[in-house]
Amino acid sequence: MPVVIEELRGGSGRHRVHLRPRKVEKLSDIPPFWPAFYGYVPGTKNAADGEPCDCLVLGRFRAARGAIVRVRPVALMARRDGDHKILAVFPGDPVFGSARDLPDIPRRELARLRDAFRPYFQLGPWRKVSAAAGFLAACGFRKGVGGPARRRPRG
């Protein structure tokens, strides 16, 4: 699944990356502190906020703001307002790359992520990869295609 990286792990502030035309817009210099790479799944639309699906990416890889990286969803950070966050891993990562579902992520890592977002959002429970897949599908992403759902021409 492709993800556009907007925030770098360990960074602060808030940015928005536009793909067409390609540009980075700085929204603020103030926290949050980003506990993981943060970005969005292009071509999707979350009904809760009208924006693309948000994604947290675990891994120790190098990426620049605006990079498009391939990741594997493993869980869903539920929010009470419906603006859920996909939790994904970078498949080539030596620490998290083998993760396939929520139980594969260490509890301390899940707690660290929740603690970073708790001051800003009302969070629900972590949910397994099946919930993440359902949420992505509801937002227009089709598994196996490598991108958003597209209409096929009839004929």
C-alpha atoms as a PDB file:
ATOM      1  CA  MET A   1       0.000   0.000   0.000  1.00  0.00           C
ATOM      2  CA  PRO A   2       1.448   3.424  -0.867  1.00  0.00           C
ATOM      3  CA  VAL A   3       1.706   6.141   1.802  1.00  0.00           C
ATOM      4  CA  VAL A   4       2.766   9.756   1.287  1.00  0.00           C
ATOM      5  CA  ILE A   5       5.013  10.780   4.195  1.00  0.00           C
ATOM      6  CA  GLU A   6       4.087  14.151   5.692  1.00  0.00           C
ATOM      7  CA  GLU A   7       5.825  13.959   9.080  1.00  0.00           C
ATOM      8  CA  LEU A   8       9.136  12.392  10.007  1.00  0.00           C
ATOM      9  CA  ARG A   9       9.596  10.165  13.050  1.00  0.00           C
ATOM     10  CA  GLY A  10      10.976  12.316  15.873  1.00  0.00           C
ATOM     11  CA  GLY A  11      10.034  15.586  14.205  1.00  0.00           C
ATOM     12  CA  SER A  12       7.568  18.207  15.360  1.00  0.00           C
ATOM     13  CA  GLY A  13       5.217  20.643  13.704  1.00  0.00           C
ATOM     14  CA  ARG A  14       2.585  19.901  11.088  1.00  0.00           C
ATOM     15  CA  HIS A  15       2.889  19.815   7.302  1.00  0.00           C
ATOM     16  CA  ARG A  16       0.641  18.919   4.389  1.00  0.00           C
ATOM     17  CA  VAL A  17       2.040  17.341   1.243  1.00  0.00           C
ATOM     18  CA  HIS A  18       0.191  17.906  -2.023  1.00  0.00           C
ATOM     19  CA  LEU A  19       0.913  15.532  -4.879  1.00  0.00           C
ATOM     20  CA  ARG A  20      -0.480  17.649  -7.736  1.00  0.00           C
ATOM     21  CA  PRO A  21       1.186  20.046  -7.994  1.00  0.00           C
ATOM     22  CA  ARG A  22       3.861  18.521  -5.776  1.00  0.00           C
ATOM     23  CA  LYS A  23       4.488  20.847  -2.835  1.00  0.00           C
ATOM     24  CA  VAL A  24       4.901  20.834   0.947  1.00  0.00           C
ATOM     25  CA  GLU A  25       2.819  23.271   2.966  1.00  0.00           C
ATOM     26  CA  LYS A  26       3.957  24.115   6.504  1.00  0.00           C
ATOM     27  CA  LEU A  27       0.937  24.378   8.806  1.00  0.00           C
ATOM     28  CA  SER A  28       2.591  24.961  12.200  1.00  0.00           C
ATOM     29  CA  ASP A  29       5.852  24.787  14.150  1.00  0.00           C
ATOM     30  CA  ILE A  30       4.310  23.630  17.387  1.00  0.00           C
ATOM     31  CA  PRO A  31       4.047  20.037  18.596  1.00  0.00           C
ATOM     32  CA  PRO A  32       2.861  17.303  18.303  1.00  0.00           C
ATOM     33  CA  PHE A  33       6.047  15.287  18.483  1.00  0.00           C
ATOM     34  CA  TRP A  34       5.754  12.501  15.932  1.00  0.00           C
ATOM     35  CA  PRO A  35       6.333   9.043  17.461  1.00  0.00           C
ATOM     36  CA  ALA A  36       6.380   7.399  14.008  1.00  0.00           C
ATOM     37  CA  PHE A  37       6.343   8.452  10.375  1.00  0.00           C
ATOM     38  CA  TYR A  38       2.945   9.962   9.595  1.00  0.00           C
ATOM     39  CA  GLY A  39       1.221  10.384   6.292  1.00  0.00           C
ATOM     40  CA  TYR A  40      -1.764   9.434   4.203  1.00  0.00           C
ATOM     41  CA  VAL A  41      -2.942   6.844   1.705  1.00  0.00           C
ATOM     42  CA  PRO A  42      -3.377   8.677  -1.616  1.00  0.00           C
ATOM     43  CA  GLY A  43      -6.678   8.306  -3.427  1.00  0.00           C
ATOM     44  CA  THR A  44      -8.664   7.457  -0.292  1.00  0.00           C
ATOM     45  CA  LYS A  45     -11.255   9.579   1.497  1.00  0.00           C
ATOM     46  CA  ASN A  46     -12.206   9.224   5.151  1.00  0.00           C
ATOM     47  CA  ALA A  47     -15.884  10.089   5.594  1.00  0.00           C
ATOM     48  CA  ALA A  48     -15.184  11.442   9.111  1.00  0.00           C
ATOM     49  CA  ASP A  49     -13.086  14.385   7.913  1.00  0.00           C
ATOM     50  CA  GLY A  50     -13.172  14.305   4.105  1.00  0.00           C
ATOM     51  CA  GLU A  51      -9.397  13.835   3.985  1.00  0.00           C
ATOM     52  CA  PRO A  52      -7.330  10.842   2.847  1.00  0.00           C
ATOM     53  CA  CYS A  53      -6.830   8.013   5.367  1.00  0.00           C
ATOM     54  CA  ASP A  54      -4.115   8.829   7.898  1.00  0.00           C
ATOM     55  CA  CYS A  55      -1.326   6.335   8.470  1.00  0.00           C
ATOM     56  CA  LEU A  56       1.351   5.873  11.126  1.00  0.00           C
ATOM     57  CA  VAL A  57       4.352   3.924   9.842  1.00  0.00           C
ATOM     58  CA  LEU A  58       6.699   2.053  12.156  1.00  0.00           C
ATOM     59  CA  GLY A  59      10.247   1.462  11.020  1.00  0.00           C
ATOM     60  CA  ARG A  60      13.787   2.715  11.075  1.00  0.00           C
ATOM     61  CA  PHE A  61      14.120   3.784   7.469  1.00  0.00           C
ATOM     62  CA  ARG A  62      15.065   7.036   5.817  1.00  0.00           C
ATOM     63  CA  ALA A  63      12.351   9.022   4.152  1.00  0.00           C
ATOM     64  CA  ALA A  64      11.945  12.633   3.187  1.00  0.00           C
ATOM     65  CA  ARG A  65       8.771  14.612   3.625  1.00  0.00           C
ATOM     66  CA  GLY A  66       6.786  14.029   0.442  1.00  0.00           C
ATOM     67  CA  ALA A  67       8.236  10.573  -0.227  1.00  0.00           C
ATOM     68  CA  ILE A  68       5.858   7.826  -1.291  1.00  0.00           C
ATOM     69  CA  VAL A  69       6.699   4.571   0.492  1.00  0.00           C
ATOM     70  CA  ARG A  70       5.183   1.103   0.304  1.00  0.00           C
ATOM     71  CA  VAL A  71       3.945  -0.194   3.640  1.00  0.00           C
ATOM     72  CA  ARG A  72       1.910  -3.063   5.073  1.00  0.00           C
ATOM     73  CA  PRO A  73      -1.090  -2.266   7.314  1.00  0.00           C
ATOM     74  CA  VAL A  74      -1.094  -4.173  10.611  1.00  0.00           C
ATOM     75  CA  ALA A  75      -3.683  -2.466  12.839  1.00  0.00           C
ATOM     76  CA  LEU A  76      -6.089   0.412  13.340  1.00  0.00           C
ATOM     77  CA  MET A  77      -5.886   3.111  16.020  1.00  0.00           C
ATOM     78  CA  ALA A  78      -9.581   3.773  16.557  1.00  0.00           C
ATOM     79  CA  ARG A  79     -10.798   7.287  17.347  1.00  0.00           C
ATOM     80  CA  ARG A  80     -14.218   8.068  18.710  1.00  0.00           C
ATOM     81  CA  ASP A  81     -14.832  10.701  16.028  1.00  0.00           C
ATOM     82  CA  GLY A  82     -14.217   8.164  13.237  1.00  0.00           C
ATOM     83  CA  ASP A  83     -10.941   9.733  12.056  1.00  0.00           C
ATOM     84  CA  HIS A  84      -9.090   6.448  12.612  1.00  0.00           C
ATOM     85  CA  LYS A  85      -5.375   5.995  11.951  1.00  0.00           C
ATOM     86  CA  ILE A  86      -3.952   3.026  10.068  1.00  0.00           C
ATOM     87  CA  LEU A  87      -0.891   1.526  11.736  1.00  0.00           C
ATOM     88  CA  ALA A  88       1.517   0.131   9.154  1.00  0.00           C
ATOM     89  CA  VAL A  89       5.059  -1.189   8.973  1.00  0.00           C
ATOM     90  CA  PHE A  90       7.825  -0.745   6.466  1.00  0.00           C
ATOM     91  CA  PRO A  91       8.258  -4.336   5.161  1.00  0.00           C
ATOM     92  CA  GLY A  92      12.060  -4.134   4.941  1.00  0.00           C
ATOM     93  CA  ASP A  93      12.496  -2.922   8.516  1.00  0.00           C
ATOM     94  CA  PRO A  94      14.653  -5.201  10.714  1.00  0.00           C
ATOM     95  CA  VAL A  95      12.529  -4.561  13.838  1.00  0.00           C
ATOM     96  CA  PHE A  96       8.925  -4.285  12.609  1.00  0.00           C
ATOM     97  CA  GLY A  97       9.128  -5.608   9.040  1.00  0.00           C
ATOM     98  CA  SER A  98       7.821  -9.083   9.873  1.00  0.00           C
ATOM     99  CA  ALA A  99       4.673  -7.793  11.637  1.00  0.00           C
ATOM    100  CA  ARG A 100       1.395  -8.837  10.006  1.00  0.00           C
ATOM    101  CA  ASP A 101      -1.239  -8.053  12.665  1.00  0.00           C
ATOM    102  CA  LEU A 102      -1.766  -6.210  15.947  1.00  0.00           C
ATOM    103  CA  PRO A 103      -0.381  -8.980  18.216  1.00  0.00           C
ATOM    104  CA  ASP A 104       2.949  -8.749  16.337  1.00  0.00           C
ATOM    105  CA  ILE A 105       3.534  -5.192  17.592  1.00  0.00           C
ATOM    106  CA  PRO A 106       5.037  -5.006  21.098  1.00  0.00           C
ATOM    107  CA  ARG A 107       2.633  -3.659  23.722  1.00  0.00           C
ATOM    108  CA  ARG A 108       5.149  -1.031  24.818  1.00  0.00           C
ATOM    109  CA  GLU A 109       5.210   0.317  21.248  1.00  0.00           C
ATOM    110  CA  LEU A 110       1.411   0.478  21.088  1.00  0.00           C
ATOM    111  CA  ALA A 111       1.373   2.263  24.474  1.00  0.00           C
ATOM    112  CA  ARG A 112       4.006   4.743  23.263  1.00  0.00           C
ATOM    113  CA  LEU A 113       1.906   5.591  20.198  1.00  0.00           C
ATOM    114  CA  ARG A 114      -1.306   5.966  22.230  1.00  0.00           C
ATOM    115  CA  ASP A 115       0.457   8.174  24.781  1.00  0.00           C
ATOM    116  CA  ALA A 116       1.628  10.498  22.005  1.00  0.00           C
ATOM    117  CA  PHE A 117      -1.907  10.951  20.622  1.00  0.00           C
ATOM    118  CA  ARG A 118      -3.932  10.826  23.853  1.00  0.00           C
ATOM    119  CA  PRO A 119      -3.615  14.584  24.627  1.00  0.00           C
ATOM    120  CA  TYR A 120      -5.092  15.484  21.226  1.00  0.00           C
ATOM    121  CA  PHE A 121      -7.780  12.858  20.537  1.00  0.00           C
ATOM    122  CA  GLN A 122     -10.370  10.674  22.226  1.00  0.00           C
ATOM    123  CA  LEU A 123      -9.013   7.250  21.376  1.00  0.00           C
ATOM    124  CA  GLY A 124     -10.841   3.972  21.201  1.00  0.00           C
ATOM    125  CA  PRO A 125      -9.206   0.538  21.333  1.00  0.00           C
ATOM    126  CA  TRP A 126      -6.520  -0.769  19.014  1.00  0.00           C
ATOM    127  CA  ARG A 127      -8.056  -3.025  16.388  1.00  0.00           C
ATOM    128  CA  LYS A 128      -6.597  -5.862  14.331  1.00  0.00           C
ATOM    129  CA  VAL A 129      -5.521  -5.769  10.697  1.00  0.00           C
ATOM    130  CA  SER A 130      -8.968  -6.941   9.545  1.00  0.00           C
ATOM    131  CA  ALA A 131     -10.470  -3.710  10.926  1.00  0.00           C
ATOM    132  CA  ALA A 132      -7.751  -1.686   9.180  1.00  0.00           C
ATOM    133  CA  ALA A 133      -8.533  -3.472   5.893  1.00  0.00           C
ATOM    134  CA  GLY A 134     -12.251  -2.779   6.307  1.00  0.00           C
ATOM    135  CA  PHE A 135     -11.621   0.882   7.067  1.00  0.00           C
ATOM    136  CA  LEU A 136      -9.337   1.242   4.040  1.00  0.00           C
ATOM    137  CA  ALA A 137     -11.945  -0.410   1.804  1.00  0.00           C
ATOM    138  CA  ALA A 138     -14.632   1.960   3.132  1.00  0.00           C
ATOM    139  CA  CYS A 139     -12.309   4.847   2.244  1.00  0.00           C
ATOM    140  CA  GLY A 140     -11.925   3.626  -1.350  1.00  0.00           C
ATOM    141  CA  PHE A 141      -8.744   1.554  -1.196  1.00  0.00           C
ATOM    142  CA  ARG A 142      -8.797  -1.804  -2.941  1.00  0.00           C
ATOM    143  CA  LYS A 143      -6.348  -4.430  -1.679  1.00  0.00           C
ATOM    144  CA  GLY A 144      -4.165  -6.049  -4.290  1.00  0.00           C
ATOM    145  CA  VAL A 145      -4.382  -3.133  -6.685  1.00  0.00           C
ATOM    146  CA  GLY A 146      -1.750  -1.044  -4.924  1.00  0.00           C
ATOM    147  CA  GLY A 147      -3.851   2.076  -4.919  1.00  0.00           C
ATOM    148  CA  PRO A 148      -7.323   3.516  -4.663  1.00  0.00           C
ATOM    149  CA  ALA A 149     -10.327   1.766  -6.098  1.00  0.00           C
ATOM    150  CA  ARG A 150     -10.877   2.619  -9.725  1.00  0.00           C
ATOM    151  CA  ARG A 151     -13.876   2.059 -11.940  1.00  0.00           C
ATOM    152  CA  ARG A 152     -13.275  -0.381 -14.718  1.00  0.00           C
ATOM    153  CA  PRO A 153     -14.487   0.528 -18.180  1.00  0.00           C
ATOM    154  CA  ARG A 154     -17.439  -1.544 -19.322  1.00  0.00           C
ATOM    155  CA  GLY A 155     -17.101  -3.433 -22.487  1.00  0.00           C
END
